[in-house]
mmCIF file of all heavy atoms, coordinates in Angstrom:
data_MODEL
# 
_entry.id   MODEL 
# 
loop_
_atom_site.group_PDB 
_atom_site.id 
_atom_site.type_symbol 
_atom_site.label_atom_id 
_atom_site.label_alt_id 
_atom_site.label_comp_id 
_atom_site.label_asym_id 
_atom_site.label_entity_id 
_atom_site.label_seq_id 
_atom_site.pdbx_PDB_ins_code 
_atom_site.Cartn_x 
_atom_site.Cartn_y 
_atom_site.Cartn_z 
_atom_site.occupancy 
_atom_site.B_iso_or_equiv 
_atom_site.pdbx_formal_charge 
_atom_site.auth_seq_id 
_atom_site.auth_comp_id 
_atom_site.auth_asym_id 
_atom_site.auth_atom_id 
_atom_site.pdbx_PDB_model_num 
ATOM 1   N N   . VAL A 1 1  ? 0.828   -1.172 -0.007  1.00 0.00 ? 1  VAL A N   1 
ATOM 2   C CA  . VAL A 1 1  ? 0.030   0.010  -0.013  1.00 0.00 ? 1  VAL A CA  1 
ATOM 3   C C   . VAL A 1 1  ? 0.909   1.228  0.040   1.00 0.00 ? 1  VAL A C   1 
ATOM 4   O O   . VAL A 1 1  ? 2.007   1.188  0.469   1.00 0.00 ? 1  VAL A O   1 
ATOM 5   C CB  . VAL A 1 1  ? -0.955  -0.017 1.207   1.00 0.00 ? 1  VAL A CB  1 
ATOM 6   C CG1 . VAL A 1 1  ? -1.958  -1.134 1.168   1.00 0.00 ? 1  VAL A CG1 1 
ATOM 7   C CG2 . VAL A 1 1  ? -0.205  0.030  2.490   1.00 0.00 ? 1  VAL A CG2 1 
ATOM 8   N N   . SER A 1 2  ? 0.383   2.323  -0.511  1.00 0.00 ? 2  SER A N   1 
ATOM 9   C CA  . SER A 1 2  ? 1.227   3.533  -0.643  1.00 0.00 ? 2  SER A CA  1 
ATOM 10  C C   . SER A 1 2  ? 1.669   3.919  0.798   1.00 0.00 ? 2  SER A C   1 
ATOM 11  O O   . SER A 1 2  ? 0.926   3.884  1.744   1.00 0.00 ? 2  SER A O   1 
ATOM 12  C CB  . SER A 1 2  ? 0.282   4.716  -1.180  1.00 0.00 ? 2  SER A CB  1 
ATOM 13  O OG  . SER A 1 2  ? 1.117   5.705  -1.547  1.00 0.00 ? 2  SER A OG  1 
ATOM 14  N N   . GLY A 1 3  ? 2.958   4.215  0.787   1.00 0.00 ? 3  GLY A N   1 
ATOM 15  C CA  . GLY A 1 3  ? 3.642   4.639  2.028   1.00 0.00 ? 3  GLY A CA  1 
ATOM 16  C C   . GLY A 1 3  ? 4.394   3.508  2.714   1.00 0.00 ? 3  GLY A C   1 
ATOM 17  O O   . GLY A 1 3  ? 5.111   3.644  3.702   1.00 0.00 ? 3  GLY A O   1 
ATOM 18  N N   . ASP A 1 4  ? 4.273   2.243  2.155   1.00 0.00 ? 4  ASP A N   1 
ATOM 19  C CA  . ASP A 1 4  ? 5.098   1.174  2.745   1.00 0.00 ? 4  ASP A CA  1 
ATOM 20  C C   . ASP A 1 4  ? 6.609   1.368  2.523   1.00 0.00 ? 4  ASP A C   1 
ATOM 21  O O   . ASP A 1 4  ? 7.028   1.779  1.474   1.00 0.00 ? 4  ASP A O   1 
ATOM 22  C CB  . ASP A 1 4  ? 4.742   -0.161 2.069   1.00 0.00 ? 4  ASP A CB  1 
ATOM 23  C CG  . ASP A 1 4  ? 3.458   -0.782 2.672   1.00 0.00 ? 4  ASP A CG  1 
ATOM 24  O OD1 . ASP A 1 4  ? 3.043   -0.327 3.683   1.00 0.00 ? 4  ASP A OD1 1 
ATOM 25  O OD2 . ASP A 1 4  ? 2.950   -1.720 1.987   1.00 0.00 ? 4  ASP A OD2 1 
ATOM 26  N N   . GLN A 1 5  ? 7.367   1.069  3.560   1.00 0.00 ? 5  GLN A N   1 
ATOM 27  C CA  . GLN A 1 5  ? 8.830   1.200  3.513   1.00 0.00 ? 5  GLN A CA  1 
ATOM 28  C C   . GLN A 1 5  ? 9.338   -0.203 3.280   1.00 0.00 ? 5  GLN A C   1 
ATOM 29  O O   . GLN A 1 5  ? 9.081   -1.081 4.082   1.00 0.00 ? 5  GLN A O   1 
ATOM 30  C CB  . GLN A 1 5  ? 9.483   1.835  4.763   1.00 0.00 ? 5  GLN A CB  1 
ATOM 31  C CG  . GLN A 1 5  ? 9.322   3.284  4.699   1.00 0.00 ? 5  GLN A CG  1 
ATOM 32  C CD  . GLN A 1 5  ? 10.185  3.950  5.768   1.00 0.00 ? 5  GLN A CD  1 
ATOM 33  O OE1 . GLN A 1 5  ? 10.839  3.313  6.453   1.00 0.00 ? 5  GLN A OE1 1 
ATOM 34  N NE2 . GLN A 1 5  ? 10.122  5.246  5.748   1.00 0.00 ? 5  GLN A NE2 1 
ATOM 35  N N   . ILE A 1 6  ? 10.149  -0.426 2.208   1.00 0.00 ? 6  ILE A N   1 
ATOM 36  C CA  . ILE A 1 6  ? 10.708  -1.769 1.820   1.00 0.00 ? 6  ILE A CA  1 
ATOM 37  C C   . ILE A 1 6  ? 12.226  -1.645 2.165   1.00 0.00 ? 6  ILE A C   1 
ATOM 38  O O   . ILE A 1 6  ? 12.925  -0.760 1.742   1.00 0.00 ? 6  ILE A O   1 
ATOM 39  C CB  . ILE A 1 6  ? 10.550  -2.017 0.356   1.00 0.00 ? 6  ILE A CB  1 
ATOM 40  C CG1 . ILE A 1 6  ? 8.952   -1.928 -0.002  1.00 0.00 ? 6  ILE A CG1 1 
ATOM 41  C CG2 . ILE A 1 6  ? 11.053  -3.387 0.022   1.00 0.00 ? 6  ILE A CG2 1 
ATOM 42  C CD1 . ILE A 1 6  ? 8.801   -1.911 -1.454  1.00 0.00 ? 6  ILE A CD1 1 
ATOM 43  N N   . ILE A 1 7  ? 12.707  -2.563 2.962   1.00 0.00 ? 7  ILE A N   1 
ATOM 44  C CA  . ILE A 1 7  ? 14.111  -2.647 3.382   1.00 0.00 ? 7  ILE A CA  1 
ATOM 45  C C   . ILE A 1 7  ? 14.804  -3.834 2.691   1.00 0.00 ? 7  ILE A C   1 
ATOM 46  O O   . ILE A 1 7  ? 14.312  -4.990 2.922   1.00 0.00 ? 7  ILE A O   1 
ATOM 47  C CB  . ILE A 1 7  ? 14.335  -2.659 4.888   1.00 0.00 ? 7  ILE A CB  1 
ATOM 48  C CG1 . ILE A 1 7  ? 13.708  -1.482 5.496   1.00 0.00 ? 7  ILE A CG1 1 
ATOM 49  C CG2 . ILE A 1 7  ? 15.815  -2.733 5.202   1.00 0.00 ? 7  ILE A CG2 1 
ATOM 50  C CD1 . ILE A 1 7  ? 13.622  -1.489 7.033   1.00 0.00 ? 7  ILE A CD1 1 
ATOM 51  N N   . LEU A 1 8  ? 15.747  -3.590 1.832   1.00 0.00 ? 8  LEU A N   1 
ATOM 52  C CA  . LEU A 1 8  ? 16.538  -4.606 1.105   1.00 0.00 ? 8  LEU A CA  1 
ATOM 53  C C   . LEU A 1 8  ? 17.985  -4.326 1.590   1.00 0.00 ? 8  LEU A C   1 
ATOM 54  O O   . LEU A 1 8  ? 18.566  -3.246 1.231   1.00 0.00 ? 8  LEU A O   1 
ATOM 55  C CB  . LEU A 1 8  ? 16.420  -4.480 -0.337  1.00 0.00 ? 8  LEU A CB  1 
ATOM 56  C CG  . LEU A 1 8  ? 14.934  -4.417 -0.987  1.00 0.00 ? 8  LEU A CG  1 
ATOM 57  C CD1 . LEU A 1 8  ? 15.103  -4.145 -2.428  1.00 0.00 ? 8  LEU A CD1 1 
ATOM 58  C CD2 . LEU A 1 8  ? 14.211  -5.582 -0.607  1.00 0.00 ? 8  LEU A CD2 1 
ATOM 59  N N   . GLY A 1 9  ? 18.667  -5.213 2.308   1.00 0.00 ? 9  GLY A N   1 
ATOM 60  C CA  . GLY A 1 9  ? 19.979  -4.943 2.727   1.00 0.00 ? 9  GLY A CA  1 
ATOM 61  C C   . GLY A 1 9  ? 20.054  -3.727 3.567   1.00 0.00 ? 9  GLY A C   1 
ATOM 62  O O   . GLY A 1 9  ? 19.305  -3.611 4.535   1.00 0.00 ? 9  GLY A O   1 
ATOM 63  N N   . ASP A 1 10 ? 20.876  -2.780 3.194   1.00 0.00 ? 10 ASP A N   1 
ATOM 64  C CA  . ASP A 1 10 ? 21.011  -1.546 4.011   1.00 0.00 ? 10 ASP A CA  1 
ATOM 65  C C   . ASP A 1 10 ? 20.259  -0.346 3.251   1.00 0.00 ? 10 ASP A C   1 
ATOM 66  O O   . ASP A 1 10 ? 20.372  0.734  3.610   1.00 0.00 ? 10 ASP A O   1 
ATOM 67  C CB  . ASP A 1 10 ? 22.494  -1.090 4.137   1.00 0.00 ? 10 ASP A CB  1 
ATOM 68  C CG  . ASP A 1 10 ? 23.210  -2.081 5.006   1.00 0.00 ? 10 ASP A CG  1 
ATOM 69  O OD1 . ASP A 1 10 ? 22.597  -2.559 5.977   1.00 0.00 ? 10 ASP A OD1 1 
ATOM 70  O OD2 . ASP A 1 10 ? 24.451  -2.267 4.809   1.00 0.00 ? 10 ASP A OD2 1 
ATOM 71  N N   . THR A 1 11 ? 19.439  -0.765 2.267   1.00 0.00 ? 11 THR A N   1 
ATOM 72  C CA  . THR A 1 11 ? 18.715  0.222  1.475   1.00 0.00 ? 11 THR A CA  1 
ATOM 73  C C   . THR A 1 11 ? 17.248  0.249  1.774   1.00 0.00 ? 11 THR A C   1 
ATOM 74  O O   . THR A 1 11 ? 16.634  -0.743 1.894   1.00 0.00 ? 11 THR A O   1 
ATOM 75  C CB  . THR A 1 11 ? 18.825  -0.135 -0.047  1.00 0.00 ? 11 THR A CB  1 
ATOM 76  O OG1 . THR A 1 11 ? 20.309  -0.139 -0.368  1.00 0.00 ? 11 THR A OG1 1 
ATOM 77  C CG2 . THR A 1 11 ? 18.165  0.974  -0.966  1.00 0.00 ? 11 THR A CG2 1 
ATOM 78  N N   . ILE A 1 12 ? 16.762  1.558  2.015   1.00 0.00 ? 12 ILE A N   1 
ATOM 79  C CA  . ILE A 1 12 ? 15.319  1.684  2.297   1.00 0.00 ? 12 ILE A CA  1 
ATOM 80  C C   . ILE A 1 12 ? 14.628  2.392  1.098   1.00 0.00 ? 12 ILE A C   1 
ATOM 81  O O   . ILE A 1 12 ? 15.080  3.413  0.581   1.00 0.00 ? 12 ILE A O   1 
ATOM 82  C CB  . ILE A 1 12 ? 15.067  2.538  3.547   1.00 0.00 ? 12 ILE A CB  1 
ATOM 83  C CG1 . ILE A 1 12 ? 15.833  1.882  4.776   1.00 0.00 ? 12 ILE A CG1 1 
ATOM 84  C CG2 . ILE A 1 12 ? 13.647  2.724  3.879   1.00 0.00 ? 12 ILE A CG2 1 
ATOM 85  C CD1 . ILE A 1 12 ? 15.866  2.720  6.053   1.00 0.00 ? 12 ILE A CD1 1 
ATOM 86  N N   . LEU A 1 13 ? 13.487  1.705  0.724   1.00 0.00 ? 13 LEU A N   1 
ATOM 87  C CA  . LEU A 1 13 ? 12.767  2.197  -0.449  1.00 0.00 ? 13 LEU A CA  1 
ATOM 88  C C   . LEU A 1 13 ? 11.338  2.634  0.068   1.00 0.00 ? 13 LEU A C   1 
ATOM 89  O O   . LEU A 1 13 ? 10.835  1.951  1.014   1.00 0.00 ? 13 LEU A O   1 
ATOM 90  C CB  . LEU A 1 13 ? 12.641  1.109  -1.524  1.00 0.00 ? 13 LEU A CB  1 
ATOM 91  C CG  . LEU A 1 13 ? 13.958  0.443  -2.001  1.00 0.00 ? 13 LEU A CG  1 
ATOM 92  C CD1 . LEU A 1 13 ? 13.617  -0.758 -2.925  1.00 0.00 ? 13 LEU A CD1 1 
ATOM 93  C CD2 . LEU A 1 13 ? 14.764  1.460  -2.683  1.00 0.00 ? 13 LEU A CD2 1 
ATOM 94  N N   . LEU A 1 14 ? 10.762  3.516  -0.549  1.00 0.00 ? 14 LEU A N   1 
ATOM 95  C CA  . LEU A 1 14 ? 9.397   3.926  -0.254  1.00 0.00 ? 14 LEU A CA  1 
ATOM 96  C C   . LEU A 1 14 ? 8.458   3.584  -1.413  1.00 0.00 ? 14 LEU A C   1 
ATOM 97  O O   . LEU A 1 14 ? 8.749   4.056  -2.555  1.00 0.00 ? 14 LEU A O   1 
ATOM 98  C CB  . LEU A 1 14 ? 9.365   5.409  0.072   1.00 0.00 ? 14 LEU A CB  1 
ATOM 99  C CG  . LEU A 1 14 ? 7.933   5.977  0.425   1.00 0.00 ? 14 LEU A CG  1 
ATOM 100 C CD1 . LEU A 1 14 ? 7.424   5.416  1.733   1.00 0.00 ? 14 LEU A CD1 1 
ATOM 101 C CD2 . LEU A 1 14 ? 8.049   7.476  0.568   1.00 0.00 ? 14 LEU A CD2 1 
ATOM 102 N N   . PHE A 1 15 ? 7.401   2.859  -1.215  1.00 0.00 ? 15 PHE A N   1 
ATOM 103 C CA  . PHE A 1 15 ? 6.522   2.532  -2.332  1.00 0.00 ? 15 PHE A CA  1 
ATOM 104 C C   . PHE A 1 15 ? 5.476   3.545  -2.243  1.00 0.00 ? 15 PHE A C   1 
ATOM 105 O O   . PHE A 1 15 ? 4.863   3.864  -1.176  1.00 0.00 ? 15 PHE A O   1 
ATOM 106 C CB  . PHE A 1 15 ? 5.898   1.086  -2.069  1.00 0.00 ? 15 PHE A CB  1 
ATOM 107 C CG  . PHE A 1 15 ? 4.697   0.816  -2.959  1.00 0.00 ? 15 PHE A CG  1 
ATOM 108 C CD1 . PHE A 1 15 ? 5.015   0.493  -4.325  1.00 0.00 ? 15 PHE A CD1 1 
ATOM 109 C CD2 . PHE A 1 15 ? 3.459   0.878  -2.575  1.00 0.00 ? 15 PHE A CD2 1 
ATOM 110 C CE1 . PHE A 1 15 ? 4.027   0.297  -5.234  1.00 0.00 ? 15 PHE A CE1 1 
ATOM 111 C CE2 . PHE A 1 15 ? 2.412   0.653  -3.487  1.00 0.00 ? 15 PHE A CE2 1 
ATOM 112 C CZ  . PHE A 1 15 ? 2.647   0.323  -4.800  1.00 0.00 ? 15 PHE A CZ  1 
ATOM 113 N N   . GLU A 1 16 ? 5.036   4.129  -3.465  1.00 0.00 ? 16 GLU A N   1 
ATOM 114 C CA  . GLU A 1 16 ? 3.991   5.123  -3.557  1.00 0.00 ? 16 GLU A CA  1 
ATOM 115 C C   . GLU A 1 16 ? 3.123   4.684  -4.754  1.00 0.00 ? 16 GLU A C   1 
ATOM 116 O O   . GLU A 1 16 ? 3.628   4.179  -5.707  1.00 0.00 ? 16 GLU A O   1 
ATOM 117 C CB  . GLU A 1 16 ? 4.549   6.504  -3.713  1.00 0.00 ? 16 GLU A CB  1 
ATOM 118 C CG  . GLU A 1 16 ? 5.445   6.880  -2.465  1.00 0.00 ? 16 GLU A CG  1 
ATOM 119 C CD  . GLU A 1 16 ? 6.090   8.235  -2.775  1.00 0.00 ? 16 GLU A CD  1 
ATOM 120 O OE1 . GLU A 1 16 ? 7.025   8.312  -3.519  1.00 0.00 ? 16 GLU A OE1 1 
ATOM 121 O OE2 . GLU A 1 16 ? 5.572   9.261  -2.163  1.00 0.00 ? 16 GLU A OE2 1 
ATOM 122 N N   . GLU A 1 17 ? 1.892   5.060  -4.635  1.00 0.00 ? 17 GLU A N   1 
ATOM 123 C CA  . GLU A 1 17 ? 1.028   4.861  -5.778  1.00 0.00 ? 17 GLU A CA  1 
ATOM 124 C C   . GLU A 1 17 ? 0.087   6.042  -5.882  1.00 0.00 ? 17 GLU A C   1 
ATOM 125 O O   . GLU A 1 17 ? -0.291  6.685  -4.888  1.00 0.00 ? 17 GLU A O   1 
ATOM 126 C CB  . GLU A 1 17 ? 0.323   3.553  -5.775  1.00 0.00 ? 17 GLU A CB  1 
ATOM 127 C CG  . GLU A 1 17 ? -0.528  3.161  -4.656  1.00 0.00 ? 17 GLU A CG  1 
ATOM 128 C CD  . GLU A 1 17 ? -1.108  1.779  -4.690  1.00 0.00 ? 17 GLU A CD  1 
ATOM 129 O OE1 . GLU A 1 17 ? -1.188  1.190  -5.770  1.00 0.00 ? 17 GLU A OE1 1 
ATOM 130 O OE2 . GLU A 1 17 ? -1.348  1.188  -3.670  1.00 0.00 ? 17 GLU A OE2 1 
ATOM 131 N N   . ARG A 1 18 ? -0.402  6.232  -7.113  1.00 0.00 ? 18 ARG A N   1 
ATOM 132 C CA  . ARG A 1 18 ? -1.365  7.344  -7.339  1.00 0.00 ? 18 ARG A CA  1 
ATOM 133 C C   . ARG A 1 18 ? -2.727  7.042  -6.585  1.00 0.00 ? 18 ARG A C   1 
ATOM 134 O O   . ARG A 1 18 ? -3.083  5.836  -6.463  1.00 0.00 ? 18 ARG A O   1 
ATOM 135 C CB  . ARG A 1 18 ? -1.609  7.418  -8.843  1.00 0.00 ? 18 ARG A CB  1 
ATOM 136 C CG  . ARG A 1 18 ? -2.416  8.665  -9.233  1.00 0.00 ? 18 ARG A CG  1 
ATOM 137 C CD  . ARG A 1 18 ? -2.379  8.873  -10.695 1.00 0.00 ? 18 ARG A CD  1 
ATOM 138 N NE  . ARG A 1 18 ? -2.498  7.657  -11.466 1.00 0.00 ? 18 ARG A NE  1 
ATOM 139 C CZ  . ARG A 1 18 ? -2.986  7.576  -12.663 1.00 0.00 ? 18 ARG A CZ  1 
ATOM 140 N NH1 . ARG A 1 18 ? -3.379  8.661  -13.275 1.00 0.00 ? 18 ARG A NH1 1 
ATOM 141 N NH2 . ARG A 1 18 ? -3.027  6.451  -13.273 1.00 0.00 ? 18 ARG A NH2 1 
ATOM 142 N N   . ALA A 1 19 ? -3.373  8.107  -6.054  1.00 0.00 ? 19 ALA A N   1 
ATOM 143 C CA  . ALA A 1 19 ? -4.610  7.828  -5.382  1.00 0.00 ? 19 ALA A CA  1 
ATOM 144 C C   . ALA A 1 19 ? -5.609  7.157  -6.315  1.00 0.00 ? 19 ALA A C   1 
ATOM 145 O O   . ALA A 1 19 ? -5.721  7.527  -7.486  1.00 0.00 ? 19 ALA A O   1 
ATOM 146 C CB  . ALA A 1 19 ? -5.176  9.191  -4.870  1.00 0.00 ? 19 ALA A CB  1 
ATOM 147 N N   . LYS A 1 20 ? -6.220  6.130  -5.761  1.00 0.00 ? 20 LYS A N   1 
ATOM 148 C CA  . LYS A 1 20 ? -7.184  5.366  -6.530  1.00 0.00 ? 20 LYS A CA  1 
ATOM 149 C C   . LYS A 1 20 ? -8.565  6.103  -6.468  1.00 0.00 ? 20 LYS A C   1 
ATOM 150 O O   . LYS A 1 20 ? -8.920  6.782  -5.577  1.00 0.00 ? 20 LYS A O   1 
ATOM 151 C CB  . LYS A 1 20 ? -7.380  3.997  -5.895  1.00 0.00 ? 20 LYS A CB  1 
ATOM 152 C CG  . LYS A 1 20 ? -6.141  3.190  -5.882  1.00 0.00 ? 20 LYS A CG  1 
ATOM 153 C CD  . LYS A 1 20 ? -5.683  2.591  -7.191  1.00 0.00 ? 20 LYS A CD  1 
ATOM 154 C CE  . LYS A 1 20 ? -4.654  1.662  -7.083  1.00 0.00 ? 20 LYS A CE  1 
ATOM 155 N NZ  . LYS A 1 20 ? -3.285  2.117  -7.180  1.00 0.00 ? 20 LYS A NZ  1 
ATOM 156 N N   . LYS A 1 21 ? -9.321  5.880  -7.625  1.00 0.00 ? 21 LYS A N   1 
ATOM 157 C CA  . LYS A 1 21 ? -10.693 6.345  -7.594  1.00 0.00 ? 21 LYS A CA  1 
ATOM 158 C C   . LYS A 1 21 ? -11.506 5.535  -6.694  1.00 0.00 ? 21 LYS A C   1 
ATOM 159 O O   . LYS A 1 21 ? -11.275 4.350  -6.487  1.00 0.00 ? 21 LYS A O   1 
ATOM 160 C CB  . LYS A 1 21 ? -11.211 6.279  -9.022  1.00 0.00 ? 21 LYS A CB  1 
ATOM 161 C CG  . LYS A 1 21 ? -10.594 7.207  -9.988  1.00 0.00 ? 21 LYS A CG  1 
ATOM 162 C CD  . LYS A 1 21 ? -11.144 7.072  -11.332 1.00 0.00 ? 21 LYS A CD  1 
ATOM 163 C CE  . LYS A 1 21 ? -10.480 7.914  -12.340 1.00 0.00 ? 21 LYS A CE  1 
ATOM 164 N NZ  . LYS A 1 21 ? -10.959 7.820  -13.735 1.00 0.00 ? 21 LYS A NZ  1 
ATOM 165 N N   . ARG A 1 22 ? -12.495 6.203  -6.078  1.00 0.00 ? 22 ARG A N   1 
ATOM 166 C CA  . ARG A 1 22 ? -13.400 5.365  -5.236  1.00 0.00 ? 22 ARG A CA  1 
ATOM 167 C C   . ARG A 1 22 ? -14.187 4.351  -6.005  1.00 0.00 ? 22 ARG A C   1 
ATOM 168 O O   . ARG A 1 22 ? -14.675 4.540  -7.104  1.00 0.00 ? 22 ARG A O   1 
ATOM 169 C CB  . ARG A 1 22 ? -14.420 6.351  -4.620  1.00 0.00 ? 22 ARG A CB  1 
ATOM 170 C CG  . ARG A 1 22 ? -13.831 7.229  -3.547  1.00 0.00 ? 22 ARG A CG  1 
ATOM 171 C CD  . ARG A 1 22 ? -14.978 8.012  -2.996  1.00 0.00 ? 22 ARG A CD  1 
ATOM 172 N NE  . ARG A 1 22 ? -14.464 8.905  -2.019  1.00 0.00 ? 22 ARG A NE  1 
ATOM 173 C CZ  . ARG A 1 22 ? -15.160 10.022 -1.529  1.00 0.00 ? 22 ARG A CZ  1 
ATOM 174 N NH1 . ARG A 1 22 ? -16.316 10.212 -1.970  1.00 0.00 ? 22 ARG A NH1 1 
ATOM 175 N NH2 . ARG A 1 22 ? -14.640 10.774 -0.669  1.00 0.00 ? 22 ARG A NH2 1 
ATOM 176 N N   . THR A 1 23 ? -14.282 3.187  -5.316  1.00 0.00 ? 23 THR A N   1 
ATOM 177 C CA  . THR A 1 23 ? -15.048 2.134  -6.065  1.00 0.00 ? 23 THR A CA  1 
ATOM 178 C C   . THR A 1 23 ? -16.529 2.355  -5.839  1.00 0.00 ? 23 THR A C   1 
ATOM 179 O O   . THR A 1 23 ? -17.027 3.168  -4.915  1.00 0.00 ? 23 THR A O   1 
ATOM 180 C CB  . THR A 1 23 ? -14.695 0.769  -5.495  1.00 0.00 ? 23 THR A CB  1 
ATOM 181 O OG1 . THR A 1 23 ? -15.093 0.781  -4.003  1.00 0.00 ? 23 THR A OG1 1 
ATOM 182 C CG2 . THR A 1 23 ? -13.308 0.479  -5.591  1.00 0.00 ? 23 THR A CG2 1 
ATOM 183 N N   . ALA A 1 24 ? -17.398 1.804  -6.626  1.00 0.00 ? 24 ALA A N   1 
ATOM 184 C CA  . ALA A 1 24 ? -18.853 1.922  -6.442  1.00 0.00 ? 24 ALA A CA  1 
ATOM 185 C C   . ALA A 1 24 ? -19.307 1.513  -5.069  1.00 0.00 ? 24 ALA A C   1 
ATOM 186 O O   . ALA A 1 24 ? -20.152 2.119  -4.485  1.00 0.00 ? 24 ALA A O   1 
ATOM 187 C CB  . ALA A 1 24 ? -19.563 1.074  -7.576  1.00 0.00 ? 24 ALA A CB  1 
# 
């Protein structure tokens, strides 16, 4: 989910995604 921090070795990544449209 947007905002998740992924840690691989000594590297930290931030996952982001565009805001989704509301579902019906």
